[in-house]
């Protein structure tokens, strides 16, 4: 027992003396040595008869999204149905189904079905949809509706929606 305690005391006294040769910082984490950056200088020497010109880059943000706006778009709140509005203005355009298109000598008429399973006849110039859309054109095979939508920046832009008579003819 005496030998073991003496041996432990000797080890405890010798351990601090024979420890690591490099001192570590107080935080206990090793720190990498600082590296000096190398300076690289390139000189452009033009050949005889030529002149060197510097090219300057100019960034054009037109048509690109704002990099400081969030990529995660909050979910769109459904517009509230207006009281006293016609049935055409009570549903979103994506919920309306085009059934048929008929023509008179002067103009076209379209037969649509709303989600409430009722059918209606529409003509050019009528209001349609929750966003205040207007029927711009009715052709032999499609109905074009223009809505004014607020985009993610808050700007109001026109959006054309085409209801096609035959689904197989989509572009």
Protein backbone atom coordinates (compact mmCIF):
# COMPACT_ATOMS: atom_id res chain seq x y z
CA UNK A 1 0.00 0.00 0.00
CA UNK A 2 2.84 2.28 0.89
CA UNK A 3 4.55 1.55 -2.41
CA UNK A 4 1.44 2.43 -4.41
CA UNK A 5 0.96 5.76 -2.68
CA UNK A 6 4.64 6.64 -3.16
CA UNK A 7 4.39 5.68 -6.81
CA UNK A 8 1.30 7.88 -7.27
CA UNK A 9 3.02 10.84 -5.64
CA UNK A 10 6.05 10.48 -7.92
CA UNK A 11 3.79 10.35 -10.99
CA UNK A 12 1.87 13.45 -9.88
CA UNK A 13 5.06 15.44 -9.39
CA UNK A 14 6.65 14.35 -12.66
CA UNK A 15 3.52 14.85 -14.81
CA UNK A 16 3.63 18.68 -14.94
CA UNK A 17 7.32 18.60 -15.78
CA UNK A 18 7.02 16.10 -18.64
CA UNK A 19 3.74 17.45 -20.09
CA UNK A 20 3.19 18.71 -23.63
CA UNK A 21 6.00 20.70 -25.09
CA UNK A 22 3.73 23.30 -26.78
CA UNK A 23 1.59 25.46 -24.59
CA UNK A 24 -2.09 25.58 -25.51
CA UNK A 25 -4.20 28.71 -25.05
CA UNK A 26 -6.35 29.13 -21.98
CA UNK A 27 -9.55 28.16 -23.83
CA UNK A 28 -8.31 24.63 -24.34
CA UNK A 29 -8.84 24.75 -28.12
CA UNK A 30 -5.83 24.65 -30.42
CA UNK A 31 -5.30 27.74 -32.53
CA UNK A 32 -3.89 27.62 -36.04
CA UNK A 33 -0.95 29.81 -36.83
CA UNK A 34 -1.77 32.96 -38.76
CA UNK A 35 -0.88 32.80 -42.40
CA UNK A 36 0.31 35.92 -44.13
CA UNK A 37 -1.51 36.48 -47.41
CA UNK A 38 0.69 36.55 -50.43
CA UNK A 39 0.48 39.61 -52.54
CA UNK A 40 -0.02 38.81 -56.17
CA UNK A 41 0.52 41.62 -58.60
CA UNK A 42 0.00 41.21 -62.29
CA UNK A 43 1.12 43.86 -64.63
CA UNK A 44 -0.36 43.98 -68.07
CA UNK A 45 2.20 44.96 -70.61
CA UNK A 46 0.67 45.59 -74.01
CA UNK A 47 2.45 44.37 -77.10
CA UNK A 48 3.85 46.85 -79.56
CA UNK A 49 1.16 48.80 -81.40
CA UNK A 50 -1.58 47.76 -78.98
CA UNK A 51 -3.06 49.59 -76.05
CA UNK A 52 -4.40 47.99 -72.86
CA UNK A 53 -7.93 48.88 -71.86
CA UNK A 54 -9.65 48.10 -68.59
CA UNK A 55 -13.07 46.46 -68.85
CA UNK A 56 -15.59 47.74 -66.37
CA UNK A 57 -18.66 45.67 -65.41
CA UNK A 58 -22.01 47.34 -64.77
CA UNK A 59 -24.82 45.36 -63.09
CA UNK A 60 -28.31 45.73 -64.54
CA UNK A 61 -31.05 44.69 -62.11
CA UNK A 62 -33.90 45.04 -64.61
CA UNK A 63 -36.03 41.90 -64.70
CA UNK A 64 -34.23 40.28 -61.76
CA UNK A 65 -35.66 39.69 -58.32
CA UNK A 66 -34.51 41.73 -55.34
CA UNK A 67 -31.82 39.66 -53.55
CA UNK A 68 -32.79 41.16 -50.20
CA UNK A 69 -36.40 39.93 -50.30
CA UNK A 70 -37.25 36.59 -48.74
CA UNK A 71 -37.37 33.56 -51.03
CA UNK A 72 -40.15 32.13 -48.91
CA UNK A 73 -43.36 33.73 -50.09
CA UNK A 74 -46.10 33.90 -47.50
CA UNK A 75 -49.22 31.97 -48.52
CA UNK A 76 -51.68 34.00 -50.52
CA UNK A 77 -54.71 35.05 -48.58
CA UNK A 78 -57.87 34.26 -50.50
CA UNK A 79 -59.72 37.42 -51.41
CA UNK A 80 -62.93 37.88 -49.51
CA UNK A 81 -66.12 37.43 -51.49
CA UNK A 82 -67.85 40.75 -52.00
CA UNK A 83 -71.36 41.19 -50.68
CA UNK A 84 -73.88 41.91 -53.38
CA UNK A 85 -71.49 40.75 -56.11
CA UNK A 86 -72.66 38.71 -59.06
CA UNK A 87 -71.99 34.96 -59.00
CA UNK A 88 -69.21 35.54 -61.57
CA UNK A 89 -67.29 37.66 -59.06
CA UNK A 90 -67.67 35.16 -56.20
CA UNK A 91 -65.19 32.55 -57.45
CA UNK A 92 -61.56 32.55 -58.54
CA UNK A 93 -60.88 32.20 -62.27
CA UNK A 94 -59.03 28.93 -61.71
CA UNK A 95 -62.29 27.43 -60.37
CA UNK A 96 -64.30 28.35 -63.48
CA UNK A 97 -64.70 25.77 -66.25
CA UNK A 98 -65.36 26.68 -69.87
CA UNK A 99 -68.03 24.41 -71.38
CA UNK A 100 -68.90 25.85 -74.80
CA UNK A 101 -68.50 28.82 -77.11
CA UNK A 102 -71.29 29.99 -79.41
CA UNK A 103 -71.32 32.80 -81.92
CA UNK A 104 -73.80 35.25 -83.28
CA UNK A 105 -73.31 37.34 -86.40
CA UNK A 106 -71.67 40.07 -84.34
CA UNK A 107 -69.95 38.42 -81.39
CA UNK A 108 -69.09 35.30 -79.41
CA UNK A 109 -70.71 33.99 -76.23
CA UNK A 110 -69.17 31.56 -73.76
CA UNK A 111 -70.92 29.07 -71.50
CA UNK A 112 -69.12 28.58 -68.18
CA UNK A 113 -69.73 26.42 -65.12
CA UNK A 114 -69.00 27.76 -61.66
CA UNK A 115 -68.09 25.55 -58.68
CA UNK A 116 -71.70 25.68 -57.46
CA UNK A 117 -72.55 23.54 -60.58
CA UNK A 118 -74.58 26.35 -62.19
CA UNK A 119 -73.95 27.41 -65.79
CA UNK A 120 -73.89 30.97 -67.07
CA UNK A 121 -73.40 32.74 -70.39
CA UNK A 122 -70.74 35.44 -70.55
CA UNK A 123 -69.79 38.00 -73.18
CA UNK A 124 -66.83 40.33 -73.73
CA UNK A 125 -66.51 43.13 -71.19
CA UNK A 126 -68.10 41.28 -68.26
CA UNK A 127 -66.46 41.18 -64.83
CA UNK A 128 -65.26 37.75 -63.77
CA UNK A 129 -63.28 36.42 -60.80
CA UNK A 130 -62.33 37.58 -57.33
CA UNK A 131 -59.52 39.88 -58.51
CA UNK A 132 -61.80 42.09 -60.61
CA UNK A 133 -60.97 40.36 -63.89
CA UNK A 134 -62.55 41.40 -67.16
CA UNK A 135 -63.35 39.23 -70.18
CA UNK A 136 -61.12 40.78 -72.86
CA UNK A 137 -61.69 38.44 -75.78
CA UNK A 138 -63.78 35.47 -76.69
CA UNK A 139 -62.52 33.57 -79.71
CA UNK A 140 -63.70 30.40 -81.37
CA UNK A 141 -61.65 28.22 -79.01
CA UNK A 142 -60.75 30.27 -75.91
CA UNK A 143 -61.72 33.03 -73.50
CA UNK A 144 -59.05 35.54 -72.42
CA UNK A 145 -59.55 37.17 -69.01
CA UNK A 146 -57.34 39.99 -67.70
CA UNK A 147 -56.90 40.44 -63.95
CA UNK A 148 -54.81 43.00 -62.11
CA UNK A 149 -52.74 41.15 -59.51
CA UNK A 150 -50.47 42.52 -56.77
CA UNK A 151 -47.04 40.83 -57.05
CA UNK A 152 -44.60 40.08 -54.22
CA UNK A 153 -43.18 43.61 -54.35
CA UNK A 154 -46.61 45.20 -54.03
CA UNK A 155 -46.79 46.35 -57.66
CA UNK A 156 -50.04 45.89 -59.54
CA UNK A 157 -49.54 44.02 -62.81
CA UNK A 158 -51.96 42.66 -65.41
CA UNK A 159 -52.24 38.88 -65.72
CA UNK A 160 -53.97 37.23 -68.63
CA UNK A 161 -55.68 33.91 -68.01
CA UNK A 162 -56.87 31.83 -70.92
CA UNK A 163 -59.72 29.38 -70.53
CA UNK A 164 -59.43 26.91 -73.40
CA UNK A 165 -62.33 24.97 -74.77
CA UNK A 166 -60.25 21.88 -75.50
CA UNK A 167 -57.67 20.97 -72.86
CA UNK A 168 -55.47 19.12 -75.39
CA UNK A 169 -54.61 22.37 -77.23
CA UNK A 170 -52.57 23.92 -74.44
CA UNK A 171 -49.38 25.63 -75.60
